Amino acid sequence: IILIGVLDSIKITRYEMFTSRQGDFQIKYPSYWKVVHNPGLK
């Protein structure tokens, strides 16, 4: 039971590589997160 609880608490996050449209930088991000280019932040 303890082992099942430990395995459930260890959530492995997979990352993907994002490259900017200008090609000036790269960054890894969680694969299940939404990517929004040029967000219209107030």
PDB file of all heavy atoms in Angstrom:
ATOM      1  N   ILE A   1       0.840  -1.208   0.000  1.00  0.00           N
ATOM      2  CA  ILE A   1       0.000   0.000   0.000  1.00  0.00           C
ATOM      3  C   ILE A   1       0.870   1.251   0.000  1.00  0.00           C
ATOM      4  O   ILE A   1       0.606   2.223  -0.707  1.00  0.00           O
ATOM      5  CB  ILE A   1      -0.945  -0.008   1.223  1.00  0.00           C
ATOM      6  CG1 ILE A   1      -1.973  -1.145   1.068  1.00  0.00           C
ATOM      7  CG2 ILE A   1      -1.659   1.342   1.359  1.00  0.00           C
ATOM      8  CD1 ILE A   1      -2.848  -1.334   2.292  1.00  0.00           C
ATOM      9  N   ILE A   2       1.932   1.233   0.802  1.00  0.00           N
ATOM     10  CA  ILE A   2       2.847   2.384   0.848  1.00  0.00           C
ATOM     11  C   ILE A   2       3.489   2.607  -0.508  1.00  0.00           C
ATOM     12  O   ILE A   2       3.612   3.738  -0.991  1.00  0.00           O
ATOM     13  CB  ILE A   2       3.929   2.170   1.923  1.00  0.00           C
ATOM     14  CG1 ILE A   2       3.291   2.225   3.321  1.00  0.00           C
ATOM     15  CG2 ILE A   2       5.027   3.227   1.809  1.00  0.00           C
ATOM     16  CD1 ILE A   2       4.241   1.844   4.432  1.00  0.00           C
ATOM     17  N   LEU A   3       3.910   1.498  -1.153  1.00  0.00           N
ATOM     18  CA  LEU A   3       4.549   1.597  -2.466  1.00  0.00           C
ATOM     19  C   LEU A   3       3.603   2.199  -3.496  1.00  0.00           C
ATOM     20  O   LEU A   3       3.992   3.066  -4.283  1.00  0.00           O
ATOM     21  CB  LEU A   3       5.006   0.214  -2.937  1.00  0.00           C
ATOM     22  CG  LEU A   3       5.648   0.140  -4.325  1.00  0.00           C
ATOM     23  CD1 LEU A   3       6.912   1.002  -4.361  1.00  0.00           C
ATOM     24  CD2 LEU A   3       5.979  -1.299  -4.694  1.00  0.00           C
ATOM     25  N   ILE A   4       2.343   1.776  -3.472  1.00  0.00           N
ATOM     26  CA  ILE A   4       1.343   2.325  -4.408  1.00  0.00           C
ATOM     27  C   ILE A   4       1.182   3.820  -4.177  1.00  0.00           C
ATOM     28  O   ILE A   4       1.102   4.618  -5.121  1.00  0.00           O
ATOM     29  CB  ILE A   4      -0.014   1.614  -4.234  1.00  0.00           C
ATOM     30  CG1 ILE A   4       0.089   0.152  -4.699  1.00  0.00           C
ATOM     31  CG2 ILE A   4      -1.104   2.327  -5.027  1.00  0.00           C
ATOM     32  CD1 ILE A   4       0.438  -0.020  -6.152  1.00  0.00           C
ATOM     33  N   GLY A   5       1.151   4.230  -2.891  1.00  0.00           N
ATOM     34  CA  GLY A   5       1.010   5.649  -2.577  1.00  0.00           C
ATOM     35  C   GLY A   5       2.193   6.460  -3.053  1.00  0.00           C
ATOM     36  O   GLY A   5       2.030   7.564  -3.578  1.00  0.00           O
ATOM     37  N   VAL A   6       3.405   5.927  -2.882  1.00  0.00           N
ATOM     38  CA  VAL A   6       4.607   6.624  -3.331  1.00  0.00           C
ATOM     39  C   VAL A   6       4.615   6.775  -4.841  1.00  0.00           C
ATOM     40  O   VAL A   6       4.903   7.842  -5.382  1.00  0.00           O
ATOM     41  CB  VAL A   6       5.876   5.870  -2.858  1.00  0.00           C
ATOM     42  CG1 VAL A   6       7.110   6.451  -3.526  1.00  0.00           C
ATOM     43  CG2 VAL A   6       6.000   5.944  -1.349  1.00  0.00           C
ATOM     44  N   LEU A   7       4.294   5.694  -5.547  1.00  0.00           N
ATOM     45  CA  LEU A   7       4.286   5.744  -7.011  1.00  0.00           C
ATOM     46  C   LEU A   7       3.239   6.722  -7.524  1.00  0.00           C
ATOM     47  O   LEU A   7       3.443   7.409  -8.520  1.00  0.00           O
ATOM     48  CB  LEU A   7       4.016   4.345  -7.587  1.00  0.00           C
ATOM     49  CG  LEU A   7       5.145   3.329  -7.391  1.00  0.00           C
ATOM     50  CD1 LEU A   7       4.706   1.952  -7.900  1.00  0.00           C
ATOM     51  CD2 LEU A   7       6.412   3.771  -8.085  1.00  0.00           C
ATOM     52  N   ASP A   8       2.106   6.805  -6.818  1.00  0.00           N
ATOM     53  CA  ASP A   8       1.049   7.724  -7.234  1.00  0.00           C
ATOM     54  C   ASP A   8       1.468   9.166  -7.024  1.00  0.00           C
ATOM     55  O   ASP A   8       1.077  10.067  -7.767  1.00  0.00           O
ATOM     56  CB  ASP A   8      -0.233   7.437  -6.450  1.00  0.00           C
ATOM     57  CG  ASP A   8      -1.383   8.327  -6.899  1.00  0.00           C
ATOM     58  OD1 ASP A   8      -1.776   8.224  -8.073  1.00  0.00           O
ATOM     59  OD2 ASP A   8      -1.870   9.122  -6.076  1.00  0.00           O
ATOM     60  N   SER A   9       2.277   9.408  -5.972  1.00  0.00           N
ATOM     61  CA  SER A   9       2.695  10.785  -5.680  1.00  0.00           C
ATOM     62  C   SER A   9       3.815  11.252  -6.603  1.00  0.00           C
ATOM     63  O   SER A   9       4.032  12.444  -6.763  1.00  0.00           O
ATOM     64  CB  SER A   9       3.151  10.890  -4.222  1.00  0.00           C
ATOM     65  OG  SER A   9       4.315  10.118  -4.011  1.00  0.00           O
ATOM     66  N   ILE A  10       4.558  10.304  -7.198  1.00  0.00           N
ATOM     67  CA  ILE A  10       5.649  10.657  -8.100  1.00  0.00           C
ATOM     68  C   ILE A  10       5.091  10.773  -9.516  1.00  0.00           C
ATOM     69  O   ILE A  10       4.881   9.782 -10.210  1.00  0.00           O
ATOM     70  CB  ILE A  10       6.783   9.611  -8.058  1.00  0.00           C
ATOM     71  CG1 ILE A  10       7.346   9.490  -6.644  1.00  0.00           C
ATOM     72  CG2 ILE A  10       7.888   9.987  -9.038  1.00  0.00           C
ATOM     73  CD1 ILE A  10       8.380   8.404  -6.491  1.00  0.00           C
ATOM     74  N   LYS A  11       4.806  11.972  -9.941  1.00  0.00           N
ATOM     75  CA  LYS A  11       4.253  12.189 -11.272  1.00  0.00           C
ATOM     76  C   LYS A  11       5.353  12.684 -12.195  1.00  0.00           C
ATOM     77  O   LYS A  11       5.900  13.758 -12.003  1.00  0.00           O
ATOM     78  CB  LYS A  11       3.101  13.197 -11.205  1.00  0.00           C
ATOM     79  CG  LYS A  11       1.936  12.699 -10.349  1.00  0.00           C
ATOM     80  CD  LYS A  11       0.810  13.706 -10.291  1.00  0.00           C
ATOM     81  CE  LYS A  11      -0.334  13.193  -9.443  1.00  0.00           C
ATOM     82  NZ  LYS A  11      -1.434  14.176  -9.323  1.00  0.00           N
ATOM     83  N   ILE A  12       5.686  11.877 -13.159  1.00  0.00           N
ATOM     84  CA  ILE A  12       6.760  12.215 -14.078  1.00  0.00           C
ATOM     85  C   ILE A  12       6.223  13.160 -15.145  1.00  0.00           C
ATOM     86  O   ILE A  12       5.263  12.843 -15.844  1.00  0.00           O
ATOM     87  CB  ILE A  12       7.338  10.943 -14.727  1.00  0.00           C
ATOM     88  CG1 ILE A  12       7.909  10.025 -13.642  1.00  0.00           C
ATOM     89  CG2 ILE A  12       8.413  11.308 -15.744  1.00  0.00           C
ATOM     90  CD1 ILE A  12       8.398   8.698 -14.164  1.00  0.00           C
ATOM     91  N   THR A  13       6.827  14.328 -15.248  1.00  0.00           N
ATOM     92  CA  THR A  13       6.412  15.321 -16.231  1.00  0.00           C
ATOM     93  C   THR A  13       7.275  15.196 -17.480  1.00  0.00           C
ATOM     94  O   THR A  13       8.497  15.223 -17.387  1.00  0.00           O
ATOM     95  CB  THR A  13       6.544  16.744 -15.647  1.00  0.00           C
ATOM     96  OG1 THR A  13       5.716  16.849 -14.487  1.00  0.00           O
ATOM     97  CG2 THR A  13       6.109  17.783 -16.667  1.00  0.00           C
ATOM     98  N   ARG A  14       6.633  15.067 -18.618  1.00  0.00           N
ATOM     99  CA  ARG A  14       7.351  15.038 -19.881  1.00  0.00           C
ATOM    100  C   ARG A  14       7.422  16.460 -20.440  1.00  0.00           C
ATOM    101  O   ARG A  14       6.462  17.218 -20.372  1.00  0.00           O
ATOM    102  CB  ARG A  14       6.660  14.105 -20.870  1.00  0.00           C
ATOM    103  CG  ARG A  14       6.590  12.668 -20.404  1.00  0.00           C
ATOM    104  CD  ARG A  14       6.058  11.755 -21.480  1.00  0.00           C
ATOM    105  NE  ARG A  14       6.945  11.733 -22.637  1.00  0.00           N
ATOM    106  CZ  ARG A  14       6.749  10.959 -23.704  1.00  0.00           C
ATOM    107  NH1 ARG A  14       5.704  10.155 -23.765  1.00  0.00           N
ATOM    108  NH2 ARG A  14       7.601  10.996 -24.711  1.00  0.00           N
ATOM    109  N   TYR A  15       8.572  16.797 -21.002  1.00  0.00           N
ATOM    110  CA  TYR A  15       8.780  18.145 -21.525  1.00  0.00           C
ATOM    111  C   TYR A  15       8.995  18.110 -23.036  1.00  0.00           C
ATOM    112  O   TYR A  15       9.515  17.139 -23.581  1.00  0.00           O
ATOM    113  CB  TYR A  15       9.999  18.795 -20.855  1.00  0.00           C
ATOM    114  CG  TYR A  15       9.782  19.132 -19.396  1.00  0.00           C
ATOM    115  CD1 TYR A  15       9.987  18.172 -18.410  1.00  0.00           C
ATOM    116  CD2 TYR A  15       9.358  20.403 -19.010  1.00  0.00           C
ATOM    117  CE1 TYR A  15       9.782  18.470 -17.069  1.00  0.00           C
ATOM    118  CE2 TYR A  15       9.158  20.708 -17.669  1.00  0.00           C
ATOM    119  CZ  TYR A  15       9.367  19.736 -16.705  1.00  0.00           C
ATOM    120  OH  TYR A  15       9.158  20.034 -15.384  1.00  0.00           O
ATOM    121  N   GLU A  16       8.561  19.197 -23.669  1.00  0.00           N
ATOM    122  CA  GLU A  16       8.820  19.391 -25.089  1.00  0.00           C
ATOM    123  C   GLU A  16       9.655  20.660 -25.247  1.00  0.00           C
ATOM    124  O   GLU A  16       9.687  21.509 -24.363  1.00  0.00           O
ATOM    125  CB  GLU A  16       7.503  19.516 -25.875  1.00  0.00           C
ATOM    126  CG  GLU A  16       6.696  18.227 -25.899  1.00  0.00           C
ATOM    127  CD  GLU A  16       5.469  18.329 -26.791  1.00  0.00           C
ATOM    128  OE1 GLU A  16       5.320  19.366 -27.484  1.00  0.00           O
ATOM    129  OE2 GLU A  16       4.656  17.397 -26.772  1.00  0.00           O
ATOM    130  N   MET A  17      10.316  20.766 -26.385  1.00  0.00           N
ATOM    131  CA  MET A  17      11.168  21.941 -26.629  1.00  0.00           C
ATOM    132  C   MET A  17      10.421  22.962 -27.482  1.00  0.00           C
ATOM    133  O   MET A  17       9.880  22.629 -28.533  1.00  0.00           O
ATOM    134  CB  MET A  17      12.452  21.515 -27.338  1.00  0.00           C
ATOM    135  CG  MET A  17      13.453  22.643 -27.512  1.00  0.00           C
ATOM    136  SD  MET A  17      14.112  23.244 -25.926  1.00  0.00           S
ATOM    137  CE  MET A  17      15.266  21.909 -25.538  1.00  0.00           C
ATOM    138  N   PHE A  18      10.382  24.186 -27.003  1.00  0.00           N
ATOM    139  CA  PHE A  18       9.773  25.293 -27.739  1.00  0.00           C
ATOM    140  C   PHE A  18      10.872  26.157 -28.319  1.00  0.00           C
ATOM    141  O   PHE A  18      11.821  26.521 -27.621  1.00  0.00           O
ATOM    142  CB  PHE A  18       8.880  26.132 -26.825  1.00  0.00           C
ATOM    143  CG  PHE A  18       8.402  27.411 -27.453  1.00  0.00           C
ATOM    144  CD1 PHE A  18       7.253  27.433 -28.222  1.00  0.00           C
ATOM    145  CD2 PHE A  18       9.112  28.600 -27.282  1.00  0.00           C
ATOM    146  CE1 PHE A  18       6.808  28.617 -28.819  1.00  0.00           C
ATOM    147  CE2 PHE A  18       8.679  29.778 -27.864  1.00  0.00           C
ATOM    148  CZ  PHE A  18       7.527  29.792 -28.634  1.00  0.00           C
ATOM    149  N   THR A  19      10.743  26.501 -29.591  1.00  0.00           N
ATOM    150  CA  THR A  19      11.669  27.421 -30.246  1.00  0.00           C
ATOM    151  C   THR A  19      10.885  28.648 -30.689  1.00  0.00           C
ATOM    152  O   THR A  19       9.832  28.522 -31.324  1.00  0.00           O
ATOM    153  CB  THR A  19      12.336  26.778 -31.477  1.00  0.00           C
ATOM    154  OG1 THR A  19      13.035  25.596 -31.061  1.00  0.00           O
ATOM    155  CG2 THR A  19      13.331  27.737 -32.121  1.00  0.00           C
ATOM    156  N   SER A  20      11.353  29.829 -30.341  1.00  0.00           N
ATOM    157  CA  SER A  20      10.637  31.057 -30.695  1.00  0.00           C
ATOM    158  C   SER A  20      10.551  31.215 -32.207  1.00  0.00           C
ATOM    159  O   SER A  20      11.394  30.702 -32.949  1.00  0.00           O
ATOM    160  CB  SER A  20      11.337  32.277 -30.086  1.00  0.00           C
ATOM    161  OG  SER A  20      12.589  32.494 -30.715  1.00  0.00           O
ATOM    162  N   ARG A  21       9.540  31.906 -32.658  1.00  0.00           N
ATOM    163  CA  ARG A  21       9.352  32.111 -34.096  1.00  0.00           C
ATOM    164  C   ARG A  21      10.484  32.921 -34.703  1.00  0.00           C
ATOM    165  O   ARG A  21      10.779  32.798 -35.891  1.00  0.00           O
ATOM    166  CB  ARG A  21       8.005  32.798 -34.345  1.00  0.00           C
ATOM    167  CG  ARG A  21       6.810  31.882 -34.072  1.00  0.00           C
ATOM    168  CD  ARG A  21       5.486  32.607 -34.217  1.00  0.00           C
ATOM    169  NE  ARG A  21       4.369  31.674 -34.115  1.00  0.00           N
ATOM    170  CZ  ARG A  21       3.097  32.038 -34.091  1.00  0.00           C
ATOM    171  NH1 ARG A  21       2.785  33.335 -34.146  1.00  0.00           N
ATOM    172  NH2 ARG A  21       2.139  31.129 -34.005  1.00  0.00           N
ATOM    173  N   GLN A  22      11.132  33.750 -33.896  1.00  0.00           N
ATOM    174  CA  GLN A  22      12.275  34.526 -34.377  1.00  0.00           C
ATOM    175  C   GLN A  22      13.554  33.692 -34.365  1.00  0.00           C
ATOM    176  O   GLN A  22      14.592  34.123 -34.877  1.00  0.00           O
ATOM    177  CB  GLN A  22      12.478  35.776 -33.508  1.00  0.00           C
ATOM    178  CG  GLN A  22      11.391  36.815 -33.650  1.00  0.00           C
ATOM    179  CD  GLN A  22      10.163  36.479 -32.807  1.00  0.00           C
ATOM    180  OE1 GLN A  22      10.171  35.525 -32.032  1.00  0.00           O
ATOM    181  NE2 GLN A  22       9.104  37.258 -32.951  1.00  0.00           N
ATOM    182  N   GLY A  23      13.487  32.516 -33.740  1.00  0.00           N
ATOM    183  CA  GLY A  23      14.645  31.643 -33.690  1.00  0.00           C
ATOM    184  C   GLY A  23      15.753  32.130 -32.782  1.00  0.00           C
ATOM    185  O   GLY A  23      16.910  31.747 -32.947  1.00  0.00           O
ATOM    186  N   ASP A  24      15.405  32.979 -31.796  1.00  0.00           N
ATOM    187  CA  ASP A  24      16.450  33.516 -30.921  1.00  0.00           C
ATOM    188  C   ASP A  24      16.629  32.739 -29.623  1.00  0.00           C
ATOM    189  O   ASP A  24      17.671  32.849 -28.971  1.00  0.00           O
ATOM    190  CB  ASP A  24      16.189  34.996 -30.619  1.00  0.00           C
ATOM    191  CG  ASP A  24      14.790  35.235 -30.077  1.00  0.00           C
ATOM    192  OD1 ASP A  24      13.883  34.432 -30.361  1.00  0.00           O
ATOM    193  OD2 ASP A  24      14.593  36.254 -29.374  1.00  0.00           O
ATOM    194  N   PHE A  25      15.624  31.937 -29.211  1.00  0.00           N
ATOM    195  CA  PHE A  25      15.789  31.167 -27.980  1.00  0.00           C
ATOM    196  C   PHE A  25      14.961  29.882 -28.005  1.00  0.00           C
ATOM    197  O   PHE A  25      14.031  29.722 -28.804  1.00  0.00           O
ATOM    198  CB  PHE A  25      15.405  32.004 -26.747  1.00  0.00           C
ATOM    199  CG  PHE A  25      13.919  32.310 -26.648  1.00  0.00           C
ATOM    200  CD1 PHE A  25      13.031  31.397 -26.082  1.00  0.00           C
ATOM    201  CD2 PHE A  25      13.415  33.520 -27.107  1.00  0.00           C
ATOM    202  CE1 PHE A  25      11.670  31.683 -25.986  1.00  0.00           C
ATOM    203  CE2 PHE A  25      12.063  33.821 -27.014  1.00  0.00           C
ATOM    204  CZ  PHE A  25      11.194  32.888 -26.453  1.00  0.00           C
ATOM    205  N   GLN A  26      15.319  28.980 -27.108  1.00  0.00           N
ATOM    206  CA  GLN A  26      14.578  27.743 -26.882  1.00  0.00           C
ATOM    207  C   GLN A  26      14.310  27.591 -25.399  1.00  0.00           C
ATOM    208  O   GLN A  26      15.044  28.114 -24.566  1.00  0.00           O
ATOM    209  CB  GLN A  26      15.377  26.516 -27.357  1.00  0.00           C
ATOM    210  CG  GLN A  26      15.348  26.276 -28.843  1.00  0.00           C
ATOM    211  CD  GLN A  26      16.017  24.968 -29.223  1.00  0.00           C
ATOM    212  OE1 GLN A  26      16.886  24.469 -28.493  1.00  0.00           O
ATOM    213  NE2 GLN A  26      15.646  24.393 -30.349  1.00  0.00           N
ATOM    214  N   ILE A  27      13.238  26.845 -25.082  1.00  0.00           N
ATOM    215  CA  ILE A  27      12.932  26.560 -23.682  1.00  0.00           C
ATOM    216  C   ILE A  27      12.085  25.292 -23.623  1.00  0.00           C
ATOM    217  O   ILE A  27      11.250  25.041 -24.503  1.00  0.00           O
ATOM    218  CB  ILE A  27      12.188  27.742 -23.015  1.00  0.00           C
ATOM    219  CG1 ILE A  27      12.036  27.495 -21.510  1.00  0.00           C
ATOM    220  CG2 ILE A  27      10.834  27.990 -23.661  1.00  0.00           C
ATOM    221  CD1 ILE A  27      11.496  28.699 -20.738  1.00  0.00           C
ATOM    222  N   LYS A  28      12.297  24.478 -22.599  1.00  0.00           N
ATOM    223  CA  LYS A  28      11.473  23.293 -22.397  1.00  0.00           C
ATOM    224  C   LYS A  28      10.221  23.682 -21.625  1.00  0.00           C
ATOM    225  O   LYS A  28      10.261  24.585 -20.783  1.00  0.00           O
ATOM    226  CB  LYS A  28      12.246  22.231 -21.619  1.00  0.00           C
ATOM    227  CG  LYS A  28      13.375  21.580 -22.386  1.00  0.00           C
ATOM    228  CD  LYS A  28      14.054  20.521 -21.538  1.00  0.00           C
ATOM    229  CE  LYS A  28      15.172  19.836 -22.308  1.00  0.00           C
ATOM    230  NZ  LYS A  28      15.862  18.822 -21.472  1.00  0.00           N
ATOM    231  N   TYR A  29       9.118  22.984 -21.903  1.00  0.00           N
ATOM    232  CA  TYR A  29       7.881  23.241 -21.177  1.00  0.00           C
ATOM    233  C   TYR A  29       7.115  21.925 -21.011  1.00  0.00           C
ATOM    234  O   TYR A  29       7.279  20.996 -21.829  1.00  0.00           O
ATOM    235  CB  TYR A  29       7.022  24.271 -21.928  1.00  0.00           C
ATOM    236  CG  TYR A  29       6.450  23.766 -23.234  1.00  0.00           C
ATOM    237  CD1 TYR A  29       5.158  23.246 -23.306  1.00  0.00           C
ATOM    238  CD2 TYR A  29       7.212  23.786 -24.413  1.00  0.00           C
ATOM    239  CE1 TYR A  29       4.634  22.777 -24.509  1.00  0.00           C
ATOM    240  CE2 TYR A  29       6.699  23.314 -25.609  1.00  0.00           C
ATOM    241  CZ  TYR A  29       5.407  22.813 -25.642  1.00  0.00           C
ATOM    242  OH  TYR A  29       4.893  22.332 -26.824  1.00  0.00           O
ATOM    243  N   PRO A  30       6.265  21.800 -19.974  1.00  0.00           N
ATOM    244  CA  PRO A  30       5.478  20.588 -19.784  1.00  0.00           C
ATOM    245  C   PRO A  30       4.614  20.313 -21.015  1.00  0.00           C
ATOM    246  O   PRO A  30       3.916  21.215 -21.492  1.00  0.00           O
ATOM    247  CB  PRO A  30       4.624  20.908 -18.552  1.00  0.00           C
ATOM    248  CG  PRO A  30       5.442  21.905 -17.793  1.00  0.00           C
ATOM    249  CD  PRO A  30       6.082  22.753 -18.856  1.00  0.00           C
ATOM    250  N   SER A  31       4.660  19.095 -21.514  1.00  0.00           N
ATOM    251  CA  SER A  31       4.004  18.779 -22.784  1.00  0.00           C
ATOM    252  C   SER A  31       2.491  18.961 -22.750  1.00  0.00           C
ATOM    253  O   SER A  31       1.869  19.151 -23.797  1.00  0.00           O
ATOM    254  CB  SER A  31       4.331  17.335 -23.188  1.00  0.00           C
ATOM    255  OG  SER A  31       3.910  16.425 -22.180  1.00  0.00           O
ATOM    256  N   TYR A  32       1.897  18.932 -21.570  1.00  0.00           N
ATOM    257  CA  TYR A  32       0.437  19.047 -21.480  1.00  0.00           C
ATOM    258  C   TYR A  32      -0.019  20.485 -21.194  1.00  0.00           C
ATOM    259  O   TYR A  32      -1.220  20.729 -21.012  1.00  0.00           O
ATOM    260  CB  TYR A  32      -0.113  18.101 -20.406  1.00  0.00           C
ATOM    261  CG  TYR A  32       0.462  18.300 -19.031  1.00  0.00           C
ATOM    262  CD1 TYR A  32      -0.187  19.107 -18.106  1.00  0.00           C
ATOM    263  CD2 TYR A  32       1.649  17.690 -18.645  1.00  0.00           C
ATOM    264  CE1 TYR A  32       0.325  19.310 -16.845  1.00  0.00           C
ATOM    265  CE2 TYR A  32       2.178  17.875 -17.382  1.00  0.00           C
ATOM    266  CZ  TYR A  32       1.510  18.677 -16.480  1.00  0.00           C
ATOM    267  OH  TYR A  32       2.042  18.869 -15.235  1.00  0.00           O
ATOM    268  N   TRP A  33       0.905  21.442 -21.166  1.00  0.00           N
ATOM    269  CA  TRP A  33       0.532  22.844 -20.991  1.00  0.00           C
ATOM    270  C   TRP A  33       0.191  23.462 -22.343  1.00  0.00           C
ATOM    271  O   TRP A  33       0.739  23.090 -23.378  1.00  0.00           O
ATOM    272  CB  TRP A  33       1.666  23.626 -20.354  1.00  0.00           C
ATOM    273  CG  TRP A  33       1.839  23.368 -18.886  1.00  0.00           C
ATOM    274  CD1 TRP A  33       1.455  22.271 -18.186  1.00  0.00           C
ATOM    275  CD2 TRP A  33       2.458  24.241 -17.935  1.00  0.00           C
ATOM    276  NE1 TRP A  33       1.795  22.392 -16.861  1.00  0.00           N
ATOM    277  CE2 TRP A  33       2.414  23.589 -16.675  1.00  0.00           C
ATOM    278  CE3 TRP A  33       3.051  25.491 -18.012  1.00  0.00           C
ATOM    279  CZ2 TRP A  33       2.934  24.158 -15.516  1.00  0.00           C
ATOM    280  CZ3 TRP A  33       3.581  26.065 -16.864  1.00  0.00           C
ATOM    281  CH2 TRP A  33       3.516  25.411 -15.630  1.00  0.00           C
ATOM    282  N   LYS A  34      -0.706  24.428 -22.325  1.00  0.00           N
ATOM    283  CA  LYS A  34      -1.110  25.126 -23.545  1.00  0.00           C
ATOM    284  C   LYS A  34      -0.071  26.183 -23.918  1.00  0.00           C
ATOM    285  O   LYS A  34       0.418  26.917 -23.063  1.00  0.00           O
ATOM    286  CB  LYS A  34      -2.469  25.791 -23.335  1.00  0.00           C
ATOM    287  CG  LYS A  34      -3.020  26.486 -24.571  1.00  0.00           C
ATOM    288  CD  LYS A  34      -4.386  27.094 -24.288  1.00  0.00           C
ATOM    289  CE  LYS A  34      -4.947  27.793 -25.503  1.00  0.00           C
ATOM    290  NZ  LYS A  34      -6.282  28.396 -25.227  1.00  0.00           N
ATOM    291  N   VAL A  35       0.248  26.254 -25.208  1.00  0.00           N
ATOM    292  CA  VAL A  35       1.213  27.240 -25.710  1.00  0.00           C
ATOM    293  C   VAL A  35       0.446  28.345 -26.437  1.00  0.00           C
ATOM    294  O   VAL A  35      -0.313  28.076 -27.362  1.00  0.00           O
ATOM    295  CB  VAL A  35       2.234  26.596 -26.671  1.00  0.00           C
ATOM    296  CG1 VAL A  35       3.214  27.652 -27.191  1.00  0.00           C
ATOM    297  CG2 VAL A  35       2.981  25.464 -25.978  1.00  0.00           C
ATOM    298  N   VAL A  36       0.648  29.587 -26.007  1.00  0.00           N
ATOM    299  CA  VAL A  36      -0.033  30.728 -26.625  1.00  0.00           C
ATOM    300  C   VAL A  36       1.021  31.698 -27.142  1.00  0.00           C
ATOM    301  O   VAL A  36       1.763  32.306 -26.353  1.00  0.00           O
ATOM    302  CB  VAL A  36      -0.959  31.446 -25.623  1.00  0.00           C
ATOM    303  CG1 VAL A  36      -1.657  32.622 -26.309  1.00  0.00           C
ATOM    304  CG2 VAL A  36      -1.980  30.481 -25.053  1.00  0.00           C
ATOM    305  N   HIS A  37       1.113  31.849 -28.449  1.00  0.00           N
ATOM    306  CA  HIS A  37       2.064  32.777 -29.055  1.00  0.00           C
ATOM    307  C   HIS A  37       1.546  34.209 -28.945  1.00  0.00           C
ATOM    308  O   HIS A  37       0.347  34.469 -29.095  1.00  0.00           O
ATOM    309  CB  HIS A  37       2.266  32.445 -30.531  1.00  0.00           C
ATOM    310  CG  HIS A  37       2.985  31.147 -30.759  1.00  0.00           C
ATOM    311  ND1 HIS A  37       4.352  31.043 -30.828  1.00  0.00           N
ATOM    312  CD2 HIS A  37       2.506  29.883 -30.922  1.00  0.00           C
ATOM    313  CE1 HIS A  37       4.687  29.781 -31.034  1.00  0.00           C
ATOM    314  NE2 HIS A  37       3.588  29.055 -31.096  1.00  0.00           N
ATOM    315  N   ASN A  38       2.443  35.131 -28.663  1.00  0.00           N
ATOM    316  CA  ASN A  38       2.108  36.556 -28.581  1.00  0.00           C
ATOM    317  C   ASN A  38       0.816  36.801 -27.799  1.00  0.00           C
ATOM    318  O   ASN A  38      -0.147  37.365 -28.318  1.00  0.00           O
ATOM    319  CB  ASN A  38       1.967  37.148 -29.989  1.00  0.00           C
ATOM    320  CG  ASN A  38       3.219  36.963 -30.809  1.00  0.00           C
ATOM    321  OD1 ASN A  38       4.321  37.180 -30.325  1.00  0.00           O
ATOM    322  ND2 ASN A  38       3.057  36.543 -32.055  1.00  0.00           N
ATOM    323  N   PRO A  39       0.772  36.330 -26.552  1.00  0.00           N
ATOM    324  CA  PRO A  39      -0.459  36.472 -25.763  1.00  0.00           C
ATOM    325  C   PRO A  39      -0.826  37.933 -25.561  1.00  0.00           C
ATOM    326  O   PRO A  39       0.037  38.773 -25.314  1.00  0.00           O
ATOM    327  CB  PRO A  39      -0.097  35.802 -24.431  1.00  0.00           C
ATOM    328  CG  PRO A  39       1.393  35.928 -24.353  1.00  0.00           C
ATOM    329  CD  PRO A  39       1.878  35.773 -25.765  1.00  0.00           C
ATOM    330  N   GLY A  40      -2.100  38.222 -25.660  1.00  0.00           N
ATOM    331  CA  GLY A  40      -2.555  39.603 -25.479  1.00  0.00           C
ATOM    332  C   GLY A  40      -2.734  39.924 -24.015  1.00  0.00           C
ATOM    333  O   GLY A  40      -3.856  40.113 -23.543  1.00  0.00           O
ATOM    334  N   LEU A  41      -1.643  39.966 -23.284  1.00  0.00           N
ATOM    335  CA  LEU A  41      -1.709  40.258 -21.856  1.00  0.00           C
ATOM    336  C   LEU A  41      -1.916  41.747 -21.642  1.00  0.00           C
ATOM    337  O   LEU A  41      -1.228  42.566 -22.236  1.00  0.00           O
ATOM    338  CB  LEU A  41      -0.415  39.808 -21.159  1.00  0.00           C
ATOM    339  CG  LEU A  41      -0.079  38.309 -21.282  1.00  0.00           C
ATOM    340  CD1 LEU A  41       1.264  38.031 -20.608  1.00  0.00           C
ATOM    341  CD2 LEU A  41      -1.169  37.468 -20.649  1.00  0.00           C
ATOM    342  N   LYS A  42      -2.854  42.077 -20.781  1.00  0.00           N
ATOM    343  CA  LYS A  42      -3.181  43.471 -20.520  1.00  0.00           C
ATOM    344  C   LYS A  42      -1.965  44.204 -19.971  1.00  0.00           C
ATOM    345  O   LYS A  42      -1.390  43.828 -18.956  1.00  0.00           O
ATOM    346  CB  LYS A  42      -4.338  43.552 -19.517  1.00  0.00           C
ATOM    347  CG  LYS A  42      -4.845  44.977 -19.295  1.00  0.00           C
ATOM    348  CD  LYS A  42      -6.035  44.975 -18.358  1.00  0.00           C
ATOM    349  CE  LYS A  42      -6.547  46.393 -18.135  1.00  0.00           C
ATOM    350  NZ  LYS A  42      -7.697  46.410 -17.212  1.00  0.00           N
TER     351      LYS A  42
END
